[in-house]
Amino acid sequence: MRILVLGGDGYCGWATALYLSKKGHTVAIADNFARRQWDHELGVQTLTPIRTLAERLNAWQDISGETIDLFVGDVMEYDFVSSVIKDFEPDAVVHFAEQRAAPYSMIDRKHAVFTQVNNVVGTLNLLFALREFAPDCHLIKLGTMGEYGTPNIDIEEGYITIEHNGRKDTVPYPKQPGSFYHLSKVHDSHNIMFACKIWKLRATDLNQGVVYGTMTDEVGLSEALINRFDYDEVFGTVLNRFCVQAAIGYPLTVYGKGGQTRGFLDIRDTVRCIEIACLKPAAQGECRVFNQFTEHFSVLDLAHMVEVAGKKLGLKVKVDHLPDPRVEAEEHYYNAKHSKLIELGLQPHLLSDSLLDSLMNVALKYRDRVDVNVMLPRVNWRKPRNREEHRTTREPMPL
């Protein structure tokens, strides 16, 4: 297949592009390097020393003999998106090209506006380009489990059948997003569903949980191909942060009671889910939704797992509780369905089988690169900061 990966220089995008290329697909990446610029804006860096995209692509070609094409530009520019669709003629487009951090969207008004305009308009541009130039192309869009929130009922996969006043219908599952970022993803979902309805596009909306791990078979071939490991308060995941904190002897920072529960999956399962969606596309006019995760854990569960893993490695690990800067339930019911990808062939990797190799050992290997000043929470959901209060004076990328 001809597969275009938007945002292919990012964490999920890079692993996906290599995986699909190794599988024999013709792959192209489109990226504007925004993810690297956000690190510069915030004054942080990934724990792992990633190379420039040009160096990564050259290394991949030298190692695998496969070429990945590159288009440099911004999905916010319709002329760029449409030209890439026309030039590459993809069978599938994997859309990772969005601002993906909830804390980033909650820094202040400018970051909230940027996140929503960037994400929603970029996706709209893509939908119009597909309608015009590749109406049979399959859109695989990265959503998020955070669209659902934490309702006191089971979370279904995208849709729910309800009865009301003696009538019955299947409707999109109610959304209760927890940040301006998650709201942007809800808007995306509605726009994609609408486009499939009126233009008969085909789309798969992957509501993904929290992804962990740096290693896939492809990334592991060379240090030059290494992936991101973000641990800072804005873009870092809670599991990455805990592993880094354990590696340097810093207390694990649990927000509030730690009962916040979410779905998680290994990066190896992320790339496999994308492949499954590519090979088994949605029907014309169909907007299908998969909940893309394999296990669920509370924050406190993760802290205890890292504590045990750290002690096995001879580390002194302590768990500390901080006031929760987010507006969220610290204890809640959580039961999300996630059977559709399993039924299509996904064979999950489990966190208990990969924590030491994929995370703790990486954290230990690169612990000299850790900046202890970027882990404590500064972004507060209740009171957005004024620009002068934030640790950086740089502006978000222009709209």
Protein backbone atom coordinates (compact mmCIF):
# COMPACT_ATOMS: atom_id res chain seq x y z
CA MET A 1 0.00 0.00 0.00
CA ARG A 2 0.94 3.65 -0.35
CA ILE A 3 0.68 5.10 3.17
CA LEU A 4 1.17 8.75 4.12
CA VAL A 5 2.11 9.41 7.76
CA LEU A 6 1.31 12.96 8.84
CA GLY A 7 3.47 13.92 11.82
CA GLY A 8 5.96 11.17 11.05
CA ASP A 9 8.80 12.84 12.98
CA GLY A 10 6.90 12.51 16.26
CA TYR A 11 6.85 9.70 18.79
CA CYS A 12 4.05 7.51 17.39
CA GLY A 13 4.57 8.70 13.82
CA TRP A 14 8.25 7.76 13.63
CA ALA A 15 7.73 4.24 14.97
CA THR A 16 4.75 3.77 12.64
CA ALA A 17 6.59 4.94 9.53
CA LEU A 18 9.50 2.56 10.13
CA TYR A 19 7.20 -0.37 10.91
CA LEU A 20 5.11 0.10 7.78
CA SER A 21 8.20 0.62 5.63
CA LYS A 22 9.74 -2.62 6.93
CA LYS A 23 6.48 -4.41 6.11
CA GLY A 24 6.97 -3.49 2.46
CA HIS A 25 4.58 -0.58 2.12
CA THR A 26 5.54 2.59 0.23
CA VAL A 27 5.68 5.19 2.99
CA ALA A 28 5.93 8.97 3.02
CA ILE A 29 6.23 11.32 5.99
CA ALA A 30 4.82 14.84 6.13
CA ASP A 31 5.98 17.03 9.00
CA ASN A 32 6.70 20.64 9.93
CA PHE A 33 8.98 19.77 12.90
CA ALA A 34 6.60 21.50 15.33
CA ARG A 35 7.19 18.86 18.00
CA ARG A 36 10.87 19.77 18.18
CA GLN A 37 10.02 23.48 18.32
CA TRP A 38 7.67 22.93 21.28
CA ASP A 39 10.58 21.40 23.20
CA HIS A 40 12.59 24.53 22.40
CA GLU A 41 9.70 26.74 23.51
CA LEU A 42 9.37 24.93 26.85
CA GLY A 43 13.10 24.61 27.46
CA VAL A 44 13.03 20.80 27.63
CA GLN A 45 14.44 17.88 25.69
CA THR A 46 13.57 14.24 25.28
CA LEU A 47 15.57 11.91 27.51
CA THR A 48 16.86 10.01 24.49
CA PRO A 49 19.18 11.84 22.06
CA ILE A 50 17.15 11.85 18.83
CA ARG A 51 18.79 12.95 15.59
CA THR A 52 17.44 15.23 12.89
CA LEU A 53 14.78 13.70 10.67
CA ALA A 54 17.12 13.80 7.67
CA GLU A 55 19.73 11.82 9.60
CA ARG A 56 17.10 9.33 10.77
CA LEU A 57 15.77 8.77 7.27
CA ASN A 58 19.28 8.33 5.84
CA ALA A 59 20.10 5.84 8.59
CA TRP A 60 16.92 3.89 7.88
CA GLN A 61 17.76 3.70 4.18
CA ASP A 62 21.32 2.53 4.93
CA ILE A 63 20.14 -0.13 7.38
CA SER A 64 16.99 -1.43 5.70
CA GLY A 65 17.46 -0.52 2.06
CA GLU A 66 14.02 1.10 2.16
CA THR A 67 13.34 4.73 1.26
CA ILE A 68 10.78 6.87 3.06
CA ASP A 69 9.76 9.99 1.16
CA LEU A 70 9.57 13.31 3.00
CA PHE A 71 7.25 16.27 2.51
CA VAL A 72 8.04 19.29 4.70
CA GLY A 73 5.09 21.54 5.47
CA ASP A 74 2.15 22.31 7.72
CA VAL A 75 -1.31 20.71 7.62
CA MET A 76 -2.64 24.16 8.53
CA GLU A 77 -1.82 25.14 4.95
CA TYR A 78 -4.43 23.67 2.60
CA ASP A 79 -2.22 24.10 -0.46
CA PHE A 80 0.45 21.94 1.18
CA VAL A 81 -1.95 19.19 2.27
CA SER A 82 -3.69 19.02 -1.10
CA SER A 83 -0.39 18.97 -3.01
CA VAL A 84 0.91 16.06 -0.90
CA ILE A 85 -2.29 14.09 -1.48
CA LYS A 86 -2.10 14.74 -5.22
CA ASP A 87 1.62 13.97 -5.52
CA PHE A 88 1.80 10.86 -3.33
CA GLU A 89 -1.64 9.39 -4.13
CA PRO A 90 -1.99 7.48 -0.84
CA ASP A 91 -4.20 4.47 -0.24
CA ALA A 92 -4.23 5.41 3.45
CA VAL A 93 -3.38 8.52 5.46
CA VAL A 94 -2.31 8.09 9.09
CA HIS A 95 -2.96 11.40 10.84
CA PHE A 96 -0.66 12.11 13.81
CA ALA A 97 -0.04 15.77 12.93
CA GLU A 98 -1.59 17.49 15.95
CA GLN A 99 -0.60 19.16 19.20
CA ARG A 100 -1.11 16.21 21.53
CA ALA A 101 -0.49 17.39 25.11
CA ALA A 102 -3.34 18.32 27.45
CA PRO A 103 -1.07 20.42 29.73
CA TYR A 104 0.22 22.42 26.75
CA SER A 105 -3.35 23.39 25.88
CA MET A 106 -3.97 24.52 29.46
CA ILE A 107 -0.97 26.84 29.89
CA ASP A 108 -2.88 29.98 28.92
CA ARG A 109 -5.31 31.40 26.35
CA LYS A 110 -2.77 31.48 23.52
CA HIS A 111 -1.86 27.83 23.92
CA ALA A 112 -5.51 26.81 24.15
CA VAL A 113 -6.38 28.74 20.98
CA PHE A 114 -3.33 27.42 19.16
CA THR A 115 -4.14 23.82 20.07
CA GLN A 116 -7.72 23.99 18.90
CA VAL A 117 -7.04 25.95 15.71
CA ASN A 118 -4.06 23.79 14.77
CA ASN A 119 -5.81 20.48 15.42
CA VAL A 120 -9.29 21.24 14.12
CA VAL A 121 -8.28 23.26 11.05
CA GLY A 122 -5.53 20.82 10.11
CA THR A 123 -7.97 17.93 10.16
CA LEU A 124 -10.54 19.92 8.19
CA ASN A 125 -7.92 20.72 5.56
CA LEU A 126 -7.14 17.03 5.27
CA LEU A 127 -10.80 16.07 4.95
CA PHE A 128 -11.36 18.57 2.14
CA ALA A 129 -8.16 17.43 0.36
CA LEU A 130 -9.29 13.81 0.53
CA ARG A 131 -12.73 14.70 -0.78
CA GLU A 132 -11.22 16.58 -3.71
CA PHE A 133 -8.24 14.45 -4.69
CA ALA A 134 -8.47 10.98 -3.03
CA PRO A 135 -12.09 10.21 -2.12
CA ASP A 136 -11.42 6.47 -1.76
CA CYS A 137 -8.36 6.95 0.48
CA HIS A 138 -8.75 5.55 4.01
CA LEU A 139 -8.20 8.11 6.79
CA ILE A 140 -6.75 6.63 9.99
CA LYS A 141 -7.01 9.35 12.60
CA LEU A 142 -5.39 9.22 16.03
CA GLY A 143 -8.02 10.10 18.60
CA THR A 144 -7.75 9.69 22.35
CA MET A 145 -9.51 7.82 25.14
CA GLY A 146 -9.55 11.20 26.87
CA GLU A 147 -12.50 12.18 24.68
CA TYR A 148 -14.74 10.02 26.86
CA GLY A 149 -13.66 11.32 30.25
CA THR A 150 -14.49 9.09 33.21
CA PRO A 151 -18.24 8.41 33.11
CA ASN A 152 -19.91 6.26 35.76
CA ILE A 153 -20.95 3.73 33.12
CA ASP A 154 -19.01 1.41 30.81
CA ILE A 155 -17.28 3.13 27.88
CA GLU A 156 -18.21 1.60 24.53
CA GLU A 157 -16.18 1.79 21.33
CA GLY A 158 -17.35 5.03 19.78
CA TYR A 159 -21.10 4.42 19.78
CA ILE A 160 -23.77 3.49 22.29
CA THR A 161 -27.29 2.12 21.82
CA ILE A 162 -29.85 3.85 24.02
CA GLU A 163 -33.57 3.68 24.63
CA HIS A 164 -35.48 6.86 25.45
CA ASN A 165 -39.23 7.36 25.75
CA GLY A 166 -39.91 4.05 24.08
CA ARG A 167 -37.58 4.63 21.10
CA LYS A 168 -34.16 3.12 20.41
CA ASP A 169 -31.15 4.42 18.50
CA THR A 170 -27.37 4.01 18.19
CA VAL A 171 -25.58 7.32 18.68
CA PRO A 172 -22.02 8.56 19.28
CA TYR A 173 -20.92 7.86 22.83
CA PRO A 174 -21.23 11.01 25.02
CA LYS A 175 -17.96 12.92 25.35
CA GLN A 176 -16.67 14.47 28.57
CA PRO A 177 -13.19 15.76 27.65
CA GLY A 178 -10.88 17.05 30.36
CA SER A 179 -8.82 19.74 28.61
CA PHE A 180 -8.85 22.09 25.63
CA TYR A 181 -6.66 19.53 23.86
CA HIS A 182 -9.17 16.73 24.44
CA LEU A 183 -11.95 19.06 23.29
CA SER A 184 -10.09 19.56 20.01
CA LYS A 185 -10.07 15.80 19.49
CA VAL A 186 -13.82 15.66 20.10
CA HIS A 187 -14.30 18.34 17.45
CA ASP A 188 -12.13 16.27 15.09
CA SER A 189 -14.26 13.19 15.70
CA HIS A 190 -17.45 15.05 14.91
CA ASN A 191 -15.98 16.60 11.76
CA ILE A 192 -14.70 13.25 10.50
CA MET A 193 -18.03 11.56 11.19
CA PHE A 194 -19.83 14.34 9.32
CA ALA A 195 -17.46 14.14 6.34
CA CYS A 196 -17.98 10.39 6.07
CA LYS A 197 -21.73 10.93 6.16
CA ILE A 198 -21.99 13.63 3.50
CA TRP A 199 -19.01 12.82 1.24
CA LYS A 200 -18.86 9.03 1.70
CA LEU A 201 -15.25 9.14 2.88
CA ARG A 202 -13.91 6.18 4.82
CA ALA A 203 -12.29 6.69 8.22
CA THR A 204 -11.08 4.86 11.30
CA ASP A 205 -10.92 6.93 14.50
CA LEU A 206 -8.45 5.33 16.92
CA ASN A 207 -9.16 6.44 20.47
CA GLN A 208 -5.74 5.66 21.86
CA GLY A 209 -4.72 5.26 25.48
CA VAL A 210 -1.37 6.32 26.94
CA VAL A 211 1.50 4.84 24.93
CA TYR A 212 4.72 3.69 26.57
CA GLY A 213 8.06 2.30 25.40
CA THR A 214 10.70 3.45 22.96
CA MET A 215 11.62 0.17 21.32
CA THR A 216 10.11 -1.47 18.29
CA ASP A 217 12.03 -4.02 16.21
CA GLU A 218 12.83 -1.30 13.69
CA VAL A 219 13.89 1.40 16.16
CA GLY A 220 16.09 -1.13 17.93
CA LEU A 221 18.24 -1.66 14.84
CA SER A 222 20.41 1.40 15.48
CA GLU A 223 20.99 4.20 17.95
CA ALA A 224 20.47 6.54 15.00
CA LEU A 225 16.81 5.47 14.86
CA ILE A 226 16.05 5.96 18.56
CA ASN A 227 12.62 7.30 19.48
CA ARG A 228 11.48 9.97 21.93
CA PHE A 229 11.21 9.43 25.71
CA ASP A 230 9.37 12.47 27.11
CA TYR A 231 9.22 12.88 30.88
CA ASP A 232 8.61 16.62 31.43
CA GLU A 233 5.43 17.99 33.02
CA VAL A 234 3.87 19.03 29.71
CA PHE A 235 4.60 16.36 27.11
CA GLY A 236 5.88 13.59 29.34
CA THR A 237 3.64 10.66 30.26
CA VAL A 238 3.17 9.68 33.88
CA LEU A 239 4.89 6.32 33.39
CA ASN A 240 7.94 7.88 31.74
CA ARG A 241 8.14 10.43 34.53
CA PHE A 242 8.03 7.75 37.21
CA CYS A 243 10.76 5.70 35.53
CA VAL A 244 13.04 8.71 35.20
CA GLN A 245 12.39 9.73 38.80
CA ALA A 246 13.21 6.21 39.99
CA ALA A 247 16.40 6.18 37.93
CA ILE A 248 17.76 9.35 39.59
CA GLY A 249 16.46 8.70 43.11
CA TYR A 250 13.72 11.34 42.97
CA PRO A 251 10.35 10.63 44.66
CA LEU A 252 7.62 9.46 42.28
CA THR A 253 5.20 12.39 41.97
CA VAL A 254 1.66 11.05 42.20
CA TYR A 255 -1.00 13.71 41.62
CA GLY A 256 -3.62 13.64 44.37
CA LYS A 257 -4.80 10.24 45.56
CA GLY A 258 -3.56 8.52 42.43
CA GLY A 259 -6.81 6.75 41.62
CA GLN A 260 -6.98 8.32 38.14
CA THR A 261 -7.34 5.32 35.82
CA ARG A 262 -6.54 5.23 32.11
CA GLY A 263 -5.90 2.78 29.28
CA PHE A 264 -2.28 2.01 28.29
CA LEU A 265 -0.53 0.24 25.44
CA ASP A 266 2.97 -0.60 24.26
CA ILE A 267 4.35 1.35 21.27
CA ARG A 268 4.69 -2.03 19.49
CA ASP A 269 0.93 -2.44 19.76
CA THR A 270 0.36 1.09 18.46
CA VAL A 271 2.15 0.37 15.19
CA ARG A 272 0.41 -2.99 14.84
CA CYS A 273 -3.00 -1.36 15.36
CA ILE A 274 -2.21 1.13 12.60
CA GLU A 275 -1.25 -1.74 10.29
CA ILE A 276 -4.46 -3.61 11.09
CA ALA A 277 -6.50 -0.51 10.29
CA CYS A 278 -4.62 -0.04 6.99
CA LEU A 279 -5.07 -3.63 5.86
CA LYS A 280 -8.71 -3.86 6.91
CA PRO A 281 -10.12 -0.43 6.02
CA ALA A 282 -13.48 1.09 6.86
CA ALA A 283 -16.20 0.83 4.25
CA GLN A 284 -17.12 3.76 2.02
CA GLY A 285 -19.13 6.23 4.09
CA GLU A 286 -18.19 4.50 7.36
CA CYS A 287 -16.65 6.25 10.35
CA ARG A 288 -15.67 3.43 12.67
CA VAL A 289 -14.16 3.87 16.12
CA PHE A 290 -11.70 1.57 17.90
CA ASN A 291 -10.60 2.02 21.50
CA GLN A 292 -6.87 1.46 21.16
CA PHE A 293 -5.41 0.23 24.43
CA THR A 294 -4.59 -3.14 25.96
CA GLU A 295 -4.60 -2.66 29.76
CA HIS A 296 -5.77 -0.07 32.25
CA PHE A 297 -4.02 1.10 35.39
CA SER A 298 -4.41 3.80 38.00
CA VAL A 299 -1.60 6.29 38.57
CA LEU A 300 -0.95 4.70 41.95
CA ASP A 301 -0.82 1.24 40.32
CA LEU A 302 1.92 2.50 38.03
CA ALA A 303 3.84 4.07 40.89
CA HIS A 304 3.85 0.79 42.79
CA MET A 305 4.93 -1.14 39.67
CA VAL A 306 7.85 1.24 39.13
CA GLU A 307 8.69 1.04 42.83
CA VAL A 308 8.94 -2.76 42.65
CA ALA A 309 10.88 -2.70 39.37
CA GLY A 310 13.28 -0.09 40.73
CA LYS A 311 14.03 -2.06 43.87
CA LYS A 312 14.88 -5.11 41.76
CA LEU A 313 17.51 -2.94 40.08
CA GLY A 314 18.88 -1.80 43.43
CA LEU A 315 17.27 1.64 43.35
CA LYS A 316 15.78 3.41 46.34
CA VAL A 317 12.30 4.38 45.20
CA LYS A 318 9.84 6.47 47.22
CA VAL A 319 6.27 7.47 46.32
CA ASP A 320 5.18 11.04 47.06
CA HIS A 321 1.70 12.59 46.67
CA LEU A 322 1.32 16.14 45.32
CA PRO A 323 -1.81 18.32 45.06
CA ASP A 324 -3.47 17.53 41.72
CA PRO A 325 -3.05 20.51 39.34
CA ARG A 326 -5.73 19.08 37.05
CA VAL A 327 -9.50 19.17 37.44
CA GLU A 328 -10.28 15.46 37.45
CA ALA A 329 -11.74 12.74 39.65
CA GLU A 330 -8.96 11.22 41.73
CA GLU A 331 -11.07 8.11 42.35
CA HIS A 332 -13.64 6.89 39.84
CA TYR A 333 -15.23 3.98 37.98
CA TYR A 334 -13.48 3.02 34.76
CA ASN A 335 -14.41 0.17 32.44
CA ALA A 336 -13.68 0.83 28.76
CA LYS A 337 -14.35 -1.73 26.05
CA HIS A 338 -11.47 -2.53 23.68
CA SER A 339 -12.27 -5.72 21.81
CA LYS A 340 -12.46 -4.70 18.15
CA LEU A 341 -8.73 -4.58 17.44
CA ILE A 342 -8.21 -7.85 19.31
CA GLU A 343 -10.87 -9.41 17.10
CA LEU A 344 -8.99 -8.13 14.03
CA GLY A 345 -5.76 -9.80 15.10
CA LEU A 346 -3.94 -7.66 17.68
CA GLN A 347 -1.83 -9.73 20.10
CA PRO A 348 -1.03 -7.36 22.97
CA HIS A 349 2.26 -6.82 24.74
CA LEU A 350 1.71 -6.38 28.47
CA LEU A 351 3.33 -3.76 30.66
CA SER A 352 4.36 -6.36 33.24
CA ASP A 353 6.43 -8.09 30.55
CA SER A 354 8.23 -5.00 29.25
CA LEU A 355 8.60 -2.46 32.06
CA LEU A 356 12.23 -3.27 32.90
CA ASP A 357 13.53 -3.58 29.35
CA SER A 358 11.52 -0.89 27.59
CA LEU A 359 11.44 1.80 30.24
CA MET A 360 13.60 1.38 33.32
CA ASN A 361 16.73 0.40 31.41
CA VAL A 362 16.29 3.32 29.00
CA ALA A 363 15.84 5.70 31.94
CA LEU A 364 18.97 4.35 33.59
CA LYS A 365 21.03 4.48 30.39
CA TYR A 366 20.30 8.16 29.77
CA ARG A 367 19.83 9.45 33.32
CA ASP A 368 22.75 11.86 32.92
CA ARG A 369 20.49 13.80 30.52
CA VAL A 370 17.70 14.27 33.10
CA ASP A 371 16.69 17.82 34.03
CA VAL A 372 15.06 17.63 37.47
CA ASN A 373 13.56 21.10 37.01
CA VAL A 374 11.05 20.09 34.31
CA MET A 375 9.12 17.35 36.14
CA LEU A 376 7.13 19.18 38.82
CA PRO A 377 3.72 20.49 37.69
CA ARG A 378 3.49 24.18 36.87
CA VAL A 379 0.46 24.19 34.58
CA ASN A 380 -2.71 24.54 36.66
CA TRP A 381 -6.10 23.64 35.17
CA ARG A 382 -7.88 25.96 37.63
CA LYS A 383 -5.90 29.08 36.87
CA PRO A 384 -4.14 29.45 33.51
CA ARG A 385 -0.84 31.25 33.89
CA ASN A 386 -0.06 34.67 32.61
CA ARG A 387 2.73 34.57 30.08
CA GLU A 388 5.20 36.21 32.46
CA GLU A 389 4.50 33.52 35.08
CA HIS A 390 5.48 30.61 32.87
CA ARG A 391 9.04 29.28 32.96
CA THR A 392 9.59 30.19 29.32
CA THR A 393 9.07 33.54 27.61
CA ARG A 394 8.83 32.04 24.13
CA GLU A 395 5.51 32.17 22.33
CA PRO A 396 3.66 29.15 20.95
CA MET A 397 4.09 28.56 17.25
CA PRO A 398 2.22 31.13 15.16
CA LEU A 399 -1.26 30.33 13.87
